[in-house]
Amino acid sequence: MTSGAANRSTASPSPGAHYVGLGLRHTDALLAFALAAWCRGGLAELPVGSAWDVVRLPRALGWRAVGILQQQGITVGPAQHTPDGVEVLVPLGSAAAWELPGAEVLAPGLTVCVPHPSTVAPHTQRAHSWIVPPHGDVLTDADMLHEAYAAALTASRMDAVR
């Protein structure tokens, strides 16, 4: 028989762990608003620049960049597919110097609309779905995402030439 501590170390994150990944705490008023929106079947509006920044990439290139990171075994934090592209959550200030075609670092104070953390592609909620759902306090390393996006751009250009 194993101890409770051993069981906890291999168990999946607690049910609230995905809220932490979105910068929501159990005492946070934003959590209450997010839960209410999700209960109504809506999207939660969360502010950029308070717990994380957002890099928005063109849809196909964003999926490709996330795939490159995953293939390389690099930890990917929350990334969602939206009507505007792929939005990846990165640590505050870590993508400020980004200058790649098609990439946009959203300004602090803007909001992003996010589906419930259990809405993972191919399922959608109002045209939004998580490519990588929130899990714990993991965010994507902006430098690694930059490299993966640059590789996706290069591959896309090479595909166009063929």
N, C-alpha and C. Protein backbone atom coordinates (compact mmCIF):
# COMPACT_ATOMS: atom_id res chain seq x y z
N MET A 1 0.84 -1.18 0.00
CA MET A 1 0.00 0.00 0.00
C MET A 1 0.89 1.24 0.00
N THR A 2 0.54 2.24 -0.83
CA THR A 2 1.35 3.45 -0.91
C THR A 2 0.80 4.51 0.02
N SER A 3 1.66 5.42 0.38
CA SER A 3 1.22 6.50 1.29
C SER A 3 0.42 7.53 0.50
N GLY A 4 -0.33 8.33 1.21
CA GLY A 4 -1.10 9.40 0.58
C GLY A 4 -0.20 10.39 -0.12
N ALA A 5 0.97 10.65 0.45
CA ALA A 5 1.89 11.60 -0.19
C ALA A 5 2.34 11.08 -1.55
N ALA A 6 2.59 9.79 -1.64
CA ALA A 6 3.01 9.23 -2.92
C ALA A 6 1.88 9.34 -3.93
N ASN A 7 0.66 9.12 -3.50
CA ASN A 7 -0.48 9.23 -4.41
C ASN A 7 -0.65 10.65 -4.91
N ARG A 8 -0.48 11.62 -4.04
CA ARG A 8 -0.65 13.01 -4.45
C ARG A 8 0.41 13.42 -5.47
N SER A 9 1.61 12.91 -5.37
CA SER A 9 2.67 13.34 -6.26
C SER A 9 2.46 12.86 -7.69
N THR A 10 1.71 11.80 -7.88
CA THR A 10 1.48 11.29 -9.23
C THR A 10 0.08 11.61 -9.73
N ALA A 11 -0.75 12.19 -8.90
CA ALA A 11 -2.11 12.50 -9.31
C ALA A 11 -2.13 13.72 -10.21
N SER A 12 -3.24 13.89 -10.92
CA SER A 12 -3.38 15.07 -11.76
C SER A 12 -3.55 16.29 -10.86
N PRO A 13 -3.34 17.49 -11.41
CA PRO A 13 -3.45 18.70 -10.61
C PRO A 13 -4.83 18.82 -9.98
N SER A 14 -4.91 19.57 -8.92
CA SER A 14 -6.19 19.79 -8.26
C SER A 14 -7.15 20.46 -9.22
N PRO A 15 -8.47 20.32 -8.98
CA PRO A 15 -9.44 20.87 -9.91
C PRO A 15 -9.27 22.36 -10.16
N GLY A 16 -8.74 23.11 -9.20
CA GLY A 16 -8.56 24.54 -9.38
C GLY A 16 -7.24 24.92 -10.02
N ALA A 17 -6.37 23.93 -10.32
CA ALA A 17 -5.04 24.24 -10.85
C ALA A 17 -5.11 24.98 -12.17
N HIS A 18 -6.09 24.68 -13.02
CA HIS A 18 -6.15 25.37 -14.31
C HIS A 18 -6.55 26.83 -14.15
N TYR A 19 -7.21 27.20 -13.07
CA TYR A 19 -7.53 28.61 -12.84
C TYR A 19 -6.28 29.40 -12.51
N VAL A 20 -5.34 28.76 -11.78
CA VAL A 20 -4.09 29.42 -11.42
C VAL A 20 -3.33 29.77 -12.70
N GLY A 21 -3.35 28.87 -13.68
CA GLY A 21 -2.68 29.11 -14.95
C GLY A 21 -3.24 30.31 -15.70
N LEU A 22 -4.43 30.70 -15.40
CA LEU A 22 -5.03 31.88 -16.01
C LEU A 22 -4.86 33.11 -15.14
N GLY A 23 -4.11 32.97 -14.05
CA GLY A 23 -3.91 34.11 -13.15
C GLY A 23 -5.07 34.33 -12.22
N LEU A 24 -5.93 33.34 -12.08
CA LEU A 24 -7.10 33.45 -11.22
C LEU A 24 -6.83 32.72 -9.91
N ARG A 25 -7.14 33.35 -8.83
CA ARG A 25 -6.99 32.76 -7.50
C ARG A 25 -8.38 32.58 -6.90
N HIS A 26 -8.49 31.65 -5.98
CA HIS A 26 -9.80 31.40 -5.37
C HIS A 26 -10.36 32.61 -4.65
N THR A 27 -9.53 33.56 -4.28
CA THR A 27 -10.01 34.77 -3.62
C THR A 27 -10.15 35.93 -4.59
N ASP A 28 -9.92 35.70 -5.84
CA ASP A 28 -9.90 36.73 -6.86
C ASP A 28 -11.31 36.97 -7.38
N ALA A 29 -11.70 38.25 -7.48
CA ALA A 29 -13.01 38.57 -8.03
C ALA A 29 -13.11 38.14 -9.49
N LEU A 30 -11.97 38.17 -10.21
CA LEU A 30 -11.98 37.73 -11.61
C LEU A 30 -12.41 36.27 -11.73
N LEU A 31 -12.04 35.46 -10.75
CA LEU A 31 -12.45 34.05 -10.78
C LEU A 31 -13.96 33.95 -10.74
N ALA A 32 -14.60 34.73 -9.90
CA ALA A 32 -16.06 34.70 -9.80
C ALA A 32 -16.70 35.11 -11.13
N PHE A 33 -16.16 36.16 -11.76
CA PHE A 33 -16.69 36.59 -13.06
C PHE A 33 -16.46 35.54 -14.13
N ALA A 34 -15.27 34.93 -14.12
CA ALA A 34 -14.96 33.89 -15.11
C ALA A 34 -15.89 32.70 -14.93
N LEU A 35 -16.05 32.24 -13.70
CA LEU A 35 -16.93 31.09 -13.45
C LEU A 35 -18.36 31.39 -13.87
N ALA A 36 -18.82 32.61 -13.60
CA ALA A 36 -20.18 32.99 -13.99
C ALA A 36 -20.33 32.97 -15.51
N ALA A 37 -19.34 33.51 -16.22
CA ALA A 37 -19.39 33.52 -17.69
C ALA A 37 -19.41 32.09 -18.23
N TRP A 38 -18.53 31.24 -17.69
CA TRP A 38 -18.46 29.86 -18.16
C TRP A 38 -19.74 29.11 -17.85
N CYS A 39 -20.37 29.37 -16.71
CA CYS A 39 -21.64 28.70 -16.36
C CYS A 39 -22.75 29.08 -17.33
N ARG A 40 -22.67 30.30 -17.88
CA ARG A 40 -23.66 30.75 -18.86
C ARG A 40 -23.30 30.27 -20.27
N GLY A 41 -22.20 29.54 -20.40
CA GLY A 41 -21.77 29.08 -21.72
C GLY A 41 -20.98 30.13 -22.48
N GLY A 42 -20.57 31.18 -21.79
CA GLY A 42 -19.84 32.27 -22.44
C GLY A 42 -18.34 32.14 -22.27
N LEU A 43 -17.67 33.18 -22.70
CA LEU A 43 -16.22 33.29 -22.56
C LEU A 43 -15.90 34.24 -21.42
N ALA A 44 -14.82 33.98 -20.72
CA ALA A 44 -14.39 34.88 -19.65
C ALA A 44 -13.44 35.91 -20.23
N GLU A 45 -13.66 37.17 -19.89
CA GLU A 45 -12.76 38.25 -20.32
C GLU A 45 -11.72 38.46 -19.24
N LEU A 46 -10.46 38.27 -19.62
CA LEU A 46 -9.37 38.40 -18.66
C LEU A 46 -8.38 39.46 -19.13
N PRO A 47 -7.85 40.25 -18.20
CA PRO A 47 -6.96 41.34 -18.59
C PRO A 47 -5.54 40.87 -18.93
N VAL A 48 -5.01 41.42 -19.98
CA VAL A 48 -3.61 41.17 -20.36
C VAL A 48 -2.74 42.07 -19.50
N GLY A 49 -1.59 41.57 -19.09
CA GLY A 49 -0.62 42.40 -18.41
C GLY A 49 -0.70 42.41 -16.90
N SER A 50 -1.56 41.58 -16.31
CA SER A 50 -1.59 41.53 -14.85
C SER A 50 -0.94 40.25 -14.32
N ALA A 51 -1.23 39.12 -14.94
CA ALA A 51 -0.61 37.86 -14.52
C ALA A 51 0.27 37.29 -15.63
N TRP A 52 0.04 37.72 -16.86
CA TRP A 52 0.76 37.22 -18.02
C TRP A 52 0.56 38.19 -19.17
N ASP A 53 1.39 38.04 -20.21
CA ASP A 53 1.21 38.76 -21.47
C ASP A 53 0.71 37.76 -22.50
N VAL A 54 0.25 38.28 -23.63
CA VAL A 54 -0.28 37.43 -24.69
C VAL A 54 0.42 37.77 -26.00
N VAL A 55 0.90 36.73 -26.66
CA VAL A 55 1.43 36.85 -28.01
C VAL A 55 0.39 36.24 -28.94
N ARG A 56 -0.06 37.04 -29.91
CA ARG A 56 -1.05 36.55 -30.89
C ARG A 56 -0.31 36.29 -32.20
N LEU A 57 -0.51 35.10 -32.73
CA LEU A 57 0.13 34.67 -33.96
C LEU A 57 -0.92 34.32 -35.00
N PRO A 58 -0.59 34.46 -36.29
CA PRO A 58 -1.54 34.00 -37.32
C PRO A 58 -1.87 32.53 -37.08
N ARG A 59 -3.11 32.17 -37.36
CA ARG A 59 -3.64 30.86 -36.98
C ARG A 59 -2.75 29.68 -37.39
N ALA A 60 -2.47 29.50 -38.66
CA ALA A 60 -1.70 28.32 -39.11
C ALA A 60 -0.28 28.34 -38.55
N LEU A 61 0.35 29.51 -38.57
CA LEU A 61 1.72 29.61 -38.05
C LEU A 61 1.77 29.42 -36.54
N GLY A 62 0.74 29.87 -35.86
CA GLY A 62 0.66 29.68 -34.41
C GLY A 62 0.55 28.22 -34.03
N TRP A 63 -0.32 27.50 -34.75
CA TRP A 63 -0.44 26.06 -34.50
C TRP A 63 0.89 25.37 -34.77
N ARG A 64 1.54 25.79 -35.85
CA ARG A 64 2.82 25.18 -36.22
C ARG A 64 3.88 25.47 -35.15
N ALA A 65 3.93 26.70 -34.65
CA ALA A 65 4.90 27.07 -33.62
C ALA A 65 4.67 26.28 -32.33
N VAL A 66 3.42 26.14 -31.92
CA VAL A 66 3.11 25.34 -30.73
C VAL A 66 3.53 23.89 -30.96
N GLY A 67 3.26 23.38 -32.14
CA GLY A 67 3.66 22.01 -32.47
C GLY A 67 5.17 21.82 -32.42
N ILE A 68 5.92 22.81 -32.91
CA ILE A 68 7.38 22.74 -32.87
C ILE A 68 7.86 22.66 -31.43
N LEU A 69 7.30 23.51 -30.57
CA LEU A 69 7.69 23.47 -29.15
C LEU A 69 7.41 22.10 -28.55
N GLN A 70 6.23 21.58 -28.82
CA GLN A 70 5.86 20.27 -28.27
C GLN A 70 6.76 19.16 -28.80
N GLN A 71 7.09 19.21 -30.09
CA GLN A 71 7.98 18.20 -30.67
C GLN A 71 9.37 18.26 -30.05
N GLN A 72 9.79 19.43 -29.63
CA GLN A 72 11.10 19.60 -29.00
C GLN A 72 11.07 19.29 -27.51
N GLY A 73 9.90 18.94 -27.01
CA GLY A 73 9.77 18.61 -25.59
C GLY A 73 9.80 19.82 -24.67
N ILE A 74 9.52 20.99 -25.23
CA ILE A 74 9.51 22.23 -24.45
C ILE A 74 8.13 22.41 -23.84
N THR A 75 8.09 22.76 -22.59
CA THR A 75 6.82 22.96 -21.89
C THR A 75 6.08 24.13 -22.51
N VAL A 76 4.83 23.90 -22.84
CA VAL A 76 3.98 24.93 -23.42
C VAL A 76 2.88 25.25 -22.43
N GLY A 77 2.74 26.53 -22.13
CA GLY A 77 1.66 26.98 -21.25
C GLY A 77 0.38 27.16 -22.05
N PRO A 78 -0.60 27.82 -21.48
CA PRO A 78 -1.88 27.99 -22.15
C PRO A 78 -1.74 28.64 -23.54
N ALA A 79 -2.36 28.01 -24.51
CA ALA A 79 -2.39 28.53 -25.88
C ALA A 79 -3.78 28.25 -26.42
N GLN A 80 -4.41 29.27 -26.96
CA GLN A 80 -5.77 29.06 -27.47
C GLN A 80 -5.91 29.48 -28.92
N HIS A 81 -6.83 28.79 -29.59
CA HIS A 81 -7.23 29.08 -30.96
C HIS A 81 -8.42 30.02 -30.87
N THR A 82 -8.34 31.16 -31.55
CA THR A 82 -9.43 32.14 -31.53
C THR A 82 -9.74 32.57 -32.96
N PRO A 83 -10.82 33.31 -33.16
CA PRO A 83 -11.08 33.83 -34.50
C PRO A 83 -9.97 34.77 -35.00
N ASP A 84 -9.21 35.34 -34.08
CA ASP A 84 -8.14 36.28 -34.44
C ASP A 84 -6.78 35.62 -34.63
N GLY A 85 -6.65 34.35 -34.29
CA GLY A 85 -5.37 33.66 -34.41
C GLY A 85 -5.12 32.77 -33.22
N VAL A 86 -3.85 32.45 -32.99
CA VAL A 86 -3.46 31.65 -31.84
C VAL A 86 -2.88 32.60 -30.80
N GLU A 87 -3.39 32.51 -29.58
CA GLU A 87 -2.93 33.36 -28.49
C GLU A 87 -2.21 32.50 -27.46
N VAL A 88 -0.96 32.88 -27.17
CA VAL A 88 -0.12 32.13 -26.25
C VAL A 88 0.20 33.01 -25.05
N LEU A 89 -0.01 32.47 -23.85
CA LEU A 89 0.28 33.20 -22.63
C LEU A 89 1.75 33.02 -22.27
N VAL A 90 2.43 34.16 -22.05
CA VAL A 90 3.85 34.19 -21.73
C VAL A 90 4.07 35.04 -20.48
N PRO A 91 5.22 34.89 -19.81
CA PRO A 91 5.48 35.70 -18.62
C PRO A 91 5.46 37.20 -18.93
N LEU A 92 5.06 37.97 -17.94
CA LEU A 92 4.99 39.43 -18.08
C LEU A 92 6.30 40.01 -18.60
N GLY A 93 6.21 40.87 -19.61
CA GLY A 93 7.36 41.58 -20.14
C GLY A 93 8.32 40.76 -20.98
N SER A 94 8.10 39.47 -21.09
CA SER A 94 9.08 38.61 -21.75
C SER A 94 9.04 38.68 -23.28
N ALA A 95 8.00 39.24 -23.86
CA ALA A 95 7.89 39.31 -25.32
C ALA A 95 7.89 40.74 -25.83
N ALA A 96 8.26 41.67 -24.99
CA ALA A 96 8.18 43.09 -25.33
C ALA A 96 8.99 43.46 -26.57
N ALA A 97 10.10 42.78 -26.82
CA ALA A 97 10.98 43.13 -27.94
C ALA A 97 10.68 42.34 -29.22
N TRP A 98 9.59 41.59 -29.24
CA TRP A 98 9.27 40.78 -30.41
C TRP A 98 9.08 41.66 -31.65
N GLU A 99 9.70 41.26 -32.75
CA GLU A 99 9.49 41.93 -34.03
C GLU A 99 9.56 40.91 -35.14
N LEU A 100 8.53 40.12 -35.25
CA LEU A 100 8.43 39.14 -36.33
C LEU A 100 7.13 39.38 -37.09
N PRO A 101 7.15 39.22 -38.41
CA PRO A 101 5.95 39.47 -39.21
C PRO A 101 4.75 38.65 -38.73
N GLY A 102 3.63 39.34 -38.59
CA GLY A 102 2.39 38.66 -38.22
C GLY A 102 2.19 38.45 -36.74
N ALA A 103 3.26 38.59 -35.95
CA ALA A 103 3.13 38.40 -34.51
C ALA A 103 2.75 39.72 -33.84
N GLU A 104 1.91 39.62 -32.84
CA GLU A 104 1.47 40.81 -32.11
C GLU A 104 1.52 40.51 -30.61
N VAL A 105 2.17 41.39 -29.87
CA VAL A 105 2.16 41.29 -28.41
C VAL A 105 1.05 42.23 -27.95
N LEU A 106 0.04 41.67 -27.30
CA LEU A 106 -1.10 42.49 -26.89
C LEU A 106 -0.70 43.42 -25.76
N ALA A 107 -1.22 44.61 -25.82
CA ALA A 107 -0.88 45.65 -24.84
C ALA A 107 -1.54 45.37 -23.49
N PRO A 108 -0.82 45.68 -22.42
CA PRO A 108 -1.43 45.55 -21.08
C PRO A 108 -2.72 46.37 -21.00
N GLY A 109 -3.70 45.81 -20.33
CA GLY A 109 -4.99 46.48 -20.19
C GLY A 109 -6.03 45.99 -21.18
N LEU A 110 -5.57 45.43 -22.31
CA LEU A 110 -6.53 44.80 -23.22
C LEU A 110 -7.07 43.55 -22.54
N THR A 111 -8.14 43.02 -23.07
CA THR A 111 -8.66 41.77 -22.53
C THR A 111 -8.65 40.70 -23.61
N VAL A 112 -8.53 39.47 -23.17
CA VAL A 112 -8.69 38.32 -24.06
C VAL A 112 -9.87 37.53 -23.54
N CYS A 113 -10.59 36.94 -24.46
CA CYS A 113 -11.73 36.11 -24.11
C CYS A 113 -11.27 34.66 -24.15
N VAL A 114 -11.51 33.94 -23.07
CA VAL A 114 -11.04 32.56 -22.98
C VAL A 114 -12.19 31.63 -22.64
N PRO A 115 -12.15 30.44 -23.23
CA PRO A 115 -13.17 29.44 -22.91
C PRO A 115 -12.84 28.76 -21.58
N HIS A 116 -13.78 27.97 -21.11
CA HIS A 116 -13.53 27.17 -19.91
C HIS A 116 -12.30 26.31 -20.16
N PRO A 117 -11.46 26.10 -19.13
CA PRO A 117 -10.23 25.30 -19.32
C PRO A 117 -10.45 23.89 -19.85
N SER A 118 -11.65 23.36 -19.75
CA SER A 118 -11.90 22.01 -20.27
C SER A 118 -12.26 22.01 -21.76
N THR A 119 -12.36 23.19 -22.37
CA THR A 119 -12.71 23.29 -23.79
C THR A 119 -11.43 23.21 -24.61
N VAL A 120 -11.07 22.00 -24.99
CA VAL A 120 -9.82 21.74 -25.69
C VAL A 120 -10.14 21.30 -27.12
N ALA A 121 -9.35 21.79 -28.09
CA ALA A 121 -9.54 21.44 -29.49
C ALA A 121 -9.62 19.92 -29.63
N PRO A 122 -10.55 19.41 -30.40
CA PRO A 122 -11.35 20.07 -31.43
C PRO A 122 -12.66 20.68 -30.92
N HIS A 123 -12.95 20.59 -29.64
CA HIS A 123 -14.17 21.20 -29.10
C HIS A 123 -13.98 22.72 -29.03
N THR A 124 -15.07 23.45 -29.21
CA THR A 124 -14.99 24.90 -29.16
C THR A 124 -16.08 25.47 -28.27
N GLN A 125 -15.84 26.69 -27.85
CA GLN A 125 -16.82 27.46 -27.10
C GLN A 125 -16.80 28.85 -27.71
N ARG A 126 -17.84 29.15 -28.48
CA ARG A 126 -17.94 30.43 -29.17
C ARG A 126 -16.68 30.71 -30.01
N ALA A 127 -16.29 29.73 -30.79
CA ALA A 127 -15.15 29.80 -31.73
C ALA A 127 -13.79 29.90 -31.04
N HIS A 128 -13.72 29.57 -29.76
CA HIS A 128 -12.45 29.54 -29.02
C HIS A 128 -12.24 28.13 -28.49
N SER A 129 -10.99 27.70 -28.50
CA SER A 129 -10.65 26.42 -27.87
C SER A 129 -9.19 26.46 -27.46
N TRP A 130 -8.89 25.69 -26.44
CA TRP A 130 -7.50 25.59 -25.98
C TRP A 130 -6.75 24.59 -26.83
N ILE A 131 -5.61 24.99 -27.35
CA ILE A 131 -4.68 24.07 -27.98
C ILE A 131 -3.94 23.36 -26.86
N VAL A 132 -3.50 24.16 -25.90
CA VAL A 132 -2.90 23.65 -24.66
C VAL A 132 -3.68 24.33 -23.54
N PRO A 133 -4.42 23.57 -22.75
CA PRO A 133 -5.22 24.19 -21.68
C PRO A 133 -4.33 24.65 -20.53
N PRO A 134 -4.85 25.58 -19.73
CA PRO A 134 -4.12 26.02 -18.55
C PRO A 134 -3.85 24.85 -17.61
N HIS A 135 -2.66 24.82 -17.01
CA HIS A 135 -2.30 23.78 -16.06
C HIS A 135 -1.28 24.35 -15.09
N GLY A 136 -1.71 24.44 -13.83
CA GLY A 136 -0.83 25.04 -12.82
C GLY A 136 -0.48 26.45 -13.20
N ASP A 137 0.72 26.88 -12.85
CA ASP A 137 1.13 28.24 -13.18
C ASP A 137 2.14 28.27 -14.33
N VAL A 138 2.05 27.29 -15.22
CA VAL A 138 2.97 27.16 -16.35
C VAL A 138 2.63 28.18 -17.44
N LEU A 139 3.64 28.90 -17.90
CA LEU A 139 3.51 29.79 -19.04
C LEU A 139 4.58 29.40 -20.06
N THR A 140 4.38 29.78 -21.30
CA THR A 140 5.33 29.45 -22.35
C THR A 140 6.51 30.42 -22.31
N ASP A 141 7.71 29.89 -22.43
CA ASP A 141 8.90 30.72 -22.49
C ASP A 141 8.86 31.54 -23.78
N ALA A 142 8.86 32.87 -23.66
CA ALA A 142 8.71 33.74 -24.83
C ALA A 142 9.87 33.59 -25.81
N ASP A 143 11.08 33.40 -25.32
CA ASP A 143 12.23 33.24 -26.22
C ASP A 143 12.11 31.95 -27.04
N MET A 144 11.68 30.88 -26.39
CA MET A 144 11.50 29.61 -27.09
C MET A 144 10.35 29.72 -28.10
N LEU A 145 9.28 30.43 -27.73
CA LEU A 145 8.17 30.64 -28.65
C LEU A 145 8.64 31.46 -29.85
N HIS A 146 9.46 32.48 -29.60
CA HIS A 146 10.01 33.32 -30.67
C HIS A 146 10.77 32.46 -31.67
N GLU A 147 11.63 31.58 -31.16
CA GLU A 147 12.41 30.68 -32.03
C GLU A 147 11.49 29.74 -32.82
N ALA A 148 10.50 29.19 -32.14
CA ALA A 148 9.58 28.27 -32.82
C ALA A 148 8.76 29.01 -33.88
N TYR A 149 8.34 30.22 -33.59
CA TYR A 149 7.58 31.00 -34.57
C TYR A 149 8.46 31.36 -35.76
N ALA A 150 9.71 31.74 -35.51
CA ALA A 150 10.64 32.04 -36.61
C ALA A 150 10.83 30.79 -37.48
N ALA A 151 10.95 29.63 -36.86
CA ALA A 151 11.08 28.38 -37.61
C ALA A 151 9.82 28.11 -38.42
N ALA A 152 8.66 28.37 -37.84
CA ALA A 152 7.39 28.17 -38.55
C ALA A 152 7.29 29.11 -39.75
N LEU A 153 7.73 30.36 -39.58
CA LEU A 153 7.74 31.32 -40.69
C LEU A 153 8.64 30.83 -41.82
N THR A 154 9.83 30.39 -41.46
CA THR A 154 10.79 29.91 -42.45
C THR A 154 10.23 28.70 -43.20
N ALA A 155 9.68 27.75 -42.46
CA ALA A 155 9.11 26.55 -43.08
C ALA A 155 7.95 26.92 -44.01
N SER A 156 7.15 27.87 -43.59
CA SER A 156 6.01 28.30 -44.40
C SER A 156 6.49 28.94 -45.70
N ARG A 157 7.53 29.74 -45.62
CA ARG A 157 8.09 30.37 -46.83
C ARG A 157 8.68 29.32 -47.76
N MET A 158 9.34 28.32 -47.18
CA MET A 158 9.91 27.24 -47.99
C MET A 158 8.81 26.43 -48.65
N ASP A 159 7.72 26.20 -47.93
CA ASP A 159 6.59 25.47 -48.50
C ASP A 159 5.99 26.23 -49.69
N ALA A 160 5.96 27.57 -49.58
CA ALA A 160 5.38 28.40 -50.63
C ALA A 160 6.22 28.38 -51.90
N VAL A 161 7.53 28.18 -51.75
CA VAL A 161 8.44 28.17 -52.89
C VAL A 161 8.35 26.85 -53.64
N ARG A 162 8.03 25.80 -52.96
CA ARG A 162 7.99 24.46 -53.59
C ARG A 162 6.90 24.32 -54.58
